[in-house]
Amino acid sequence: MFRPDDPLAPPKPVFDEPWQAQALALADATVQAGLFTATEWAEALGAALKEAEAQGAPDTLETYYTAVVSALEKLSEEQAGISRQERIRRRADWEAAYRRTPHGKPVEL
C-alpha cells in the first residue's frame, strides 16, 4: 500500500492506469515464454524511448508506457512472426470490438 509517511515508499504510484501495469506484465510474460530475451526487450524499449524523445514527447508516465507498447509491437513483429499489417488489422478489430461492447461485459473479437 502506498503510504506518504513511509520514507521508503515511492514518491507517487508507479502506474497511472491499469493498462500500464498490464503492458509491463505482458512484456515480462513474453520474455518468460522465450519469445524474446530480456536484452532484446531492453534494447527495444530503449529505442522506443529515444524515438519518443526525438519526437518531442514529454517525460511522463504516459510517454514511458506508450513506449512500452511500441516496443512490444515492434518485437512481436520481429520475433513472434506477426506482420505489421496483421498487427494493425488485429488492433483495429480489437478497438472495434471494444467500442461495441457494453461497459462491464467481456470484449469478444
N, C-alpha and C. Protein backbone atom coordinates (compact mmCIF):
# COMPACT_ATOMS: atom_id res chain seq x y z
N MET A 1 0.84 -1.17 0.00
CA MET A 1 0.00 0.00 0.00
C MET A 1 0.89 1.24 0.00
N PHE A 2 0.50 2.24 -0.74
CA PHE A 2 1.23 3.50 -0.81
C PHE A 2 0.95 4.31 0.44
N ARG A 3 2.00 4.65 1.16
CA ARG A 3 1.87 5.47 2.38
C ARG A 3 2.81 6.65 2.26
N PRO A 4 2.28 7.88 2.18
CA PRO A 4 3.17 9.05 2.00
C PRO A 4 4.10 9.28 3.18
N ASP A 5 3.76 8.75 4.37
CA ASP A 5 4.62 8.95 5.53
C ASP A 5 5.76 7.93 5.60
N ASP A 6 5.79 6.99 4.68
CA ASP A 6 6.82 5.96 4.64
C ASP A 6 8.01 6.47 3.84
N PRO A 7 9.18 6.64 4.46
CA PRO A 7 10.34 7.18 3.73
C PRO A 7 10.83 6.28 2.60
N LEU A 8 10.46 5.00 2.62
CA LEU A 8 10.89 4.08 1.58
C LEU A 8 9.85 3.94 0.47
N ALA A 9 8.70 4.56 0.63
CA ALA A 9 7.65 4.47 -0.38
C ALA A 9 8.03 5.28 -1.61
N PRO A 10 7.58 4.84 -2.78
CA PRO A 10 7.86 5.65 -3.99
C PRO A 10 7.17 7.00 -3.87
N PRO A 11 7.68 8.01 -4.57
CA PRO A 11 7.12 9.35 -4.45
C PRO A 11 5.68 9.46 -4.94
N LYS A 12 5.28 8.54 -5.82
CA LYS A 12 3.90 8.51 -6.31
C LYS A 12 3.63 7.10 -6.82
N PRO A 13 2.38 6.77 -7.07
CA PRO A 13 2.12 5.43 -7.63
C PRO A 13 2.88 5.22 -8.93
N VAL A 14 3.25 3.98 -9.17
CA VAL A 14 4.04 3.64 -10.36
C VAL A 14 3.18 3.66 -11.62
N PHE A 15 1.90 3.34 -11.49
CA PHE A 15 1.01 3.27 -12.65
C PHE A 15 -0.10 4.29 -12.51
N ASP A 16 -0.36 5.01 -13.60
CA ASP A 16 -1.50 5.93 -13.63
C ASP A 16 -2.78 5.22 -14.05
N GLU A 17 -2.62 4.17 -14.86
CA GLU A 17 -3.77 3.45 -15.42
C GLU A 17 -3.49 1.94 -15.38
N PRO A 18 -4.54 1.12 -15.26
CA PRO A 18 -4.33 -0.34 -15.25
C PRO A 18 -3.62 -0.86 -16.49
N TRP A 19 -3.86 -0.26 -17.66
CA TRP A 19 -3.24 -0.77 -18.89
C TRP A 19 -1.72 -0.68 -18.82
N GLN A 20 -1.20 0.25 -18.03
CA GLN A 20 0.24 0.39 -17.91
C GLN A 20 0.84 -0.84 -17.22
N ALA A 21 0.21 -1.27 -16.14
CA ALA A 21 0.67 -2.48 -15.45
C ALA A 21 0.52 -3.69 -16.35
N GLN A 22 -0.57 -3.74 -17.10
CA GLN A 22 -0.80 -4.87 -18.00
C GLN A 22 0.25 -4.92 -19.10
N ALA A 23 0.66 -3.77 -19.61
CA ALA A 23 1.68 -3.75 -20.66
C ALA A 23 3.01 -4.30 -20.15
N LEU A 24 3.40 -3.90 -18.94
CA LEU A 24 4.65 -4.43 -18.38
C LEU A 24 4.52 -5.92 -18.07
N ALA A 25 3.35 -6.34 -17.60
CA ALA A 25 3.14 -7.76 -17.34
C ALA A 25 3.23 -8.57 -18.63
N LEU A 26 2.70 -8.03 -19.71
CA LEU A 26 2.78 -8.71 -21.00
C LEU A 26 4.23 -8.81 -21.46
N ALA A 27 4.99 -7.75 -21.28
CA ALA A 27 6.40 -7.79 -21.65
C ALA A 27 7.13 -8.87 -20.85
N ASP A 28 6.88 -8.92 -19.55
CA ASP A 28 7.52 -9.93 -18.71
C ASP A 28 7.10 -11.34 -19.13
N ALA A 29 5.82 -11.53 -19.40
CA ALA A 29 5.33 -12.85 -19.80
C ALA A 29 5.95 -13.31 -21.11
N THR A 30 6.13 -12.39 -22.05
CA THR A 30 6.72 -12.78 -23.33
C THR A 30 8.20 -13.11 -23.19
N VAL A 31 8.89 -12.40 -22.31
CA VAL A 31 10.29 -12.75 -22.03
C VAL A 31 10.35 -14.12 -21.36
N GLN A 32 9.51 -14.33 -20.37
CA GLN A 32 9.49 -15.61 -19.65
C GLN A 32 9.14 -16.77 -20.58
N ALA A 33 8.28 -16.50 -21.57
CA ALA A 33 7.89 -17.54 -22.54
C ALA A 33 8.96 -17.79 -23.60
N GLY A 34 10.01 -16.95 -23.61
CA GLY A 34 11.09 -17.14 -24.56
C GLY A 34 10.82 -16.57 -25.94
N LEU A 35 9.80 -15.70 -26.08
CA LEU A 35 9.55 -15.10 -27.39
C LEU A 35 10.63 -14.11 -27.77
N PHE A 36 11.21 -13.47 -26.76
CA PHE A 36 12.39 -12.65 -26.94
C PHE A 36 13.12 -12.57 -25.62
N THR A 37 14.39 -12.16 -25.66
CA THR A 37 15.21 -12.14 -24.45
C THR A 37 15.02 -10.83 -23.69
N ALA A 38 15.46 -10.83 -22.46
CA ALA A 38 15.42 -9.60 -21.67
C ALA A 38 16.28 -8.51 -22.31
N THR A 39 17.38 -8.90 -22.92
CA THR A 39 18.24 -7.93 -23.62
C THR A 39 17.52 -7.34 -24.82
N GLU A 40 16.86 -8.19 -25.60
CA GLU A 40 16.10 -7.68 -26.75
C GLU A 40 14.99 -6.73 -26.29
N TRP A 41 14.33 -7.09 -25.17
CA TRP A 41 13.29 -6.22 -24.62
C TRP A 41 13.88 -4.87 -24.21
N ALA A 42 14.99 -4.89 -23.48
CA ALA A 42 15.61 -3.65 -23.02
C ALA A 42 16.02 -2.78 -24.20
N GLU A 43 16.58 -3.39 -25.23
CA GLU A 43 17.00 -2.63 -26.40
C GLU A 43 15.80 -2.03 -27.14
N ALA A 44 14.73 -2.79 -27.27
CA ALA A 44 13.54 -2.30 -27.96
C ALA A 44 12.89 -1.16 -27.18
N LEU A 45 12.82 -1.31 -25.86
CA LEU A 45 12.24 -0.26 -25.03
C LEU A 45 13.10 1.00 -25.08
N GLY A 46 14.41 0.82 -25.00
CA GLY A 46 15.32 1.96 -25.09
C GLY A 46 15.17 2.70 -26.41
N ALA A 47 15.05 1.95 -27.51
CA ALA A 47 14.88 2.57 -28.83
C ALA A 47 13.54 3.31 -28.91
N ALA A 48 12.48 2.74 -28.34
CA ALA A 48 11.17 3.39 -28.36
C ALA A 48 11.19 4.68 -27.54
N LEU A 49 11.90 4.66 -26.41
CA LEU A 49 12.01 5.86 -25.58
C LEU A 49 12.82 6.95 -26.30
N LYS A 50 13.90 6.54 -26.95
CA LYS A 50 14.69 7.52 -27.72
C LYS A 50 13.88 8.11 -28.86
N GLU A 51 13.08 7.30 -29.52
CA GLU A 51 12.23 7.79 -30.60
C GLU A 51 11.19 8.78 -30.07
N ALA A 52 10.59 8.47 -28.92
CA ALA A 52 9.62 9.39 -28.31
C ALA A 52 10.28 10.72 -27.96
N GLU A 53 11.49 10.64 -27.42
CA GLU A 53 12.22 11.86 -27.07
C GLU A 53 12.54 12.68 -28.32
N ALA A 54 12.97 12.00 -29.37
CA ALA A 54 13.31 12.69 -30.61
C ALA A 54 12.09 13.37 -31.23
N GLN A 55 10.92 12.82 -30.97
CA GLN A 55 9.68 13.40 -31.49
C GLN A 55 9.11 14.47 -30.56
N GLY A 56 9.84 14.77 -29.47
CA GLY A 56 9.43 15.83 -28.57
C GLY A 56 8.40 15.43 -27.53
N ALA A 57 8.23 14.15 -27.30
CA ALA A 57 7.26 13.70 -26.29
C ALA A 57 7.74 14.11 -24.90
N PRO A 58 6.82 14.51 -24.03
CA PRO A 58 7.22 14.91 -22.67
C PRO A 58 7.69 13.70 -21.86
N ASP A 59 8.49 13.95 -20.85
CA ASP A 59 9.00 12.89 -19.98
C ASP A 59 7.94 12.60 -18.91
N THR A 60 6.96 11.77 -19.28
CA THR A 60 5.85 11.43 -18.38
C THR A 60 5.65 9.92 -18.35
N LEU A 61 4.84 9.48 -17.39
CA LEU A 61 4.50 8.05 -17.34
C LEU A 61 3.75 7.64 -18.61
N GLU A 62 2.89 8.50 -19.11
CA GLU A 62 2.15 8.19 -20.34
C GLU A 62 3.12 7.93 -21.49
N THR A 63 4.13 8.77 -21.64
CA THR A 63 5.13 8.58 -22.69
C THR A 63 5.88 7.27 -22.48
N TYR A 64 6.26 6.99 -21.24
CA TYR A 64 7.01 5.76 -20.95
C TYR A 64 6.19 4.53 -21.33
N TYR A 65 4.94 4.48 -20.88
CA TYR A 65 4.14 3.28 -21.14
C TYR A 65 3.69 3.19 -22.59
N THR A 66 3.57 4.31 -23.28
CA THR A 66 3.32 4.26 -24.71
C THR A 66 4.53 3.66 -25.42
N ALA A 67 5.73 3.98 -24.94
CA ALA A 67 6.95 3.38 -25.48
C ALA A 67 6.99 1.88 -25.19
N VAL A 68 6.49 1.48 -24.03
CA VAL A 68 6.41 0.05 -23.70
C VAL A 68 5.57 -0.67 -24.75
N VAL A 69 4.40 -0.11 -25.06
CA VAL A 69 3.53 -0.72 -26.06
C VAL A 69 4.20 -0.73 -27.43
N SER A 70 4.84 0.36 -27.80
CA SER A 70 5.54 0.41 -29.10
C SER A 70 6.62 -0.65 -29.18
N ALA A 71 7.37 -0.82 -28.10
CA ALA A 71 8.43 -1.83 -28.09
C ALA A 71 7.84 -3.23 -28.21
N LEU A 72 6.73 -3.49 -27.51
CA LEU A 72 6.07 -4.79 -27.62
C LEU A 72 5.59 -5.05 -29.05
N GLU A 73 5.02 -4.02 -29.66
CA GLU A 73 4.55 -4.18 -31.04
C GLU A 73 5.71 -4.48 -31.98
N LYS A 74 6.79 -3.76 -31.83
CA LYS A 74 7.96 -3.96 -32.71
C LYS A 74 8.52 -5.37 -32.53
N LEU A 75 8.67 -5.78 -31.27
CA LEU A 75 9.21 -7.12 -31.03
C LEU A 75 8.26 -8.21 -31.51
N SER A 76 6.97 -7.99 -31.39
CA SER A 76 6.02 -9.00 -31.87
C SER A 76 6.13 -9.15 -33.38
N GLU A 77 6.36 -8.04 -34.05
CA GLU A 77 6.55 -8.11 -35.49
C GLU A 77 7.84 -8.83 -35.85
N GLU A 78 8.92 -8.49 -35.14
CA GLU A 78 10.24 -9.04 -35.47
C GLU A 78 10.44 -10.47 -34.99
N GLN A 79 9.99 -10.78 -33.80
CA GLN A 79 10.34 -12.04 -33.16
C GLN A 79 9.24 -13.09 -33.14
N ALA A 80 8.00 -12.67 -33.14
CA ALA A 80 6.91 -13.63 -32.96
C ALA A 80 6.20 -13.97 -34.26
N GLY A 81 6.71 -13.47 -35.37
CA GLY A 81 6.15 -13.82 -36.66
C GLY A 81 4.83 -13.14 -36.98
N ILE A 82 4.60 -11.98 -36.40
CA ILE A 82 3.39 -11.22 -36.69
C ILE A 82 3.78 -10.07 -37.62
N SER A 83 3.13 -10.00 -38.76
CA SER A 83 3.47 -8.91 -39.68
C SER A 83 2.89 -7.60 -39.17
N ARG A 84 3.46 -6.52 -39.63
CA ARG A 84 2.97 -5.19 -39.26
C ARG A 84 1.51 -5.04 -39.68
N GLN A 85 1.20 -5.50 -40.90
CA GLN A 85 -0.17 -5.40 -41.39
C GLN A 85 -1.13 -6.21 -40.53
N GLU A 86 -0.73 -7.40 -40.13
CA GLU A 86 -1.58 -8.24 -39.28
C GLU A 86 -1.79 -7.58 -37.91
N ARG A 87 -0.72 -7.01 -37.35
CA ARG A 87 -0.85 -6.33 -36.06
C ARG A 87 -1.81 -5.15 -36.16
N ILE A 88 -1.67 -4.37 -37.21
CA ILE A 88 -2.55 -3.21 -37.40
C ILE A 88 -4.00 -3.66 -37.58
N ARG A 89 -4.21 -4.71 -38.37
CA ARG A 89 -5.56 -5.22 -38.59
C ARG A 89 -6.15 -5.76 -37.30
N ARG A 90 -5.36 -6.50 -36.55
CA ARG A 90 -5.84 -7.09 -35.30
C ARG A 90 -6.16 -5.99 -34.28
N ARG A 91 -5.34 -4.95 -34.24
CA ARG A 91 -5.61 -3.85 -33.33
C ARG A 91 -6.92 -3.14 -33.71
N ALA A 92 -7.14 -2.94 -34.99
CA ALA A 92 -8.38 -2.31 -35.45
C ALA A 92 -9.58 -3.19 -35.09
N ASP A 93 -9.44 -4.51 -35.26
CA ASP A 93 -10.52 -5.43 -34.88
C ASP A 93 -10.81 -5.33 -33.38
N TRP A 94 -9.74 -5.30 -32.58
CA TRP A 94 -9.89 -5.21 -31.13
C TRP A 94 -10.57 -3.89 -30.73
N GLU A 95 -10.13 -2.79 -31.31
CA GLU A 95 -10.72 -1.49 -30.98
C GLU A 95 -12.20 -1.44 -31.37
N ALA A 96 -12.55 -2.00 -32.51
CA ALA A 96 -13.95 -2.03 -32.93
C ALA A 96 -14.78 -2.87 -31.96
N ALA A 97 -14.24 -4.02 -31.56
CA ALA A 97 -14.95 -4.88 -30.61
C ALA A 97 -15.10 -4.19 -29.26
N TYR A 98 -14.07 -3.50 -28.83
CA TYR A 98 -14.11 -2.77 -27.56
C TYR A 98 -15.20 -1.70 -27.58
N ARG A 99 -15.27 -0.98 -28.68
CA ARG A 99 -16.25 0.12 -28.78
C ARG A 99 -17.69 -0.38 -28.81
N ARG A 100 -17.93 -1.57 -29.35
CA ARG A 100 -19.30 -2.06 -29.44
C ARG A 100 -19.72 -2.89 -28.22
N THR A 101 -18.78 -3.13 -27.31
CA THR A 101 -19.08 -3.93 -26.13
C THR A 101 -19.61 -3.06 -25.00
N PRO A 102 -20.76 -3.41 -24.43
CA PRO A 102 -21.28 -2.63 -23.30
C PRO A 102 -20.31 -2.66 -22.11
N HIS A 103 -20.28 -1.56 -21.38
CA HIS A 103 -19.40 -1.45 -20.22
C HIS A 103 -19.63 -2.62 -19.26
N GLY A 104 -18.54 -3.20 -18.79
CA GLY A 104 -18.61 -4.28 -17.83
C GLY A 104 -18.73 -5.66 -18.45
N LYS A 105 -18.91 -5.72 -19.75
CA LYS A 105 -19.03 -7.02 -20.43
C LYS A 105 -17.68 -7.39 -21.05
N PRO A 106 -17.40 -8.67 -21.17
CA PRO A 106 -16.13 -9.07 -21.79
C PRO A 106 -16.09 -8.70 -23.28
N VAL A 107 -14.94 -8.29 -23.73
CA VAL A 107 -14.76 -7.95 -25.15
C VAL A 107 -14.51 -9.23 -25.91
N GLU A 108 -15.27 -9.43 -26.99
CA GLU A 108 -15.09 -10.61 -27.83
C GLU A 108 -14.80 -10.17 -29.25
N LEU A 109 -13.79 -10.79 -29.84
CA LEU A 109 -13.46 -10.47 -31.23
C LEU A 109 -14.31 -11.32 -32.17
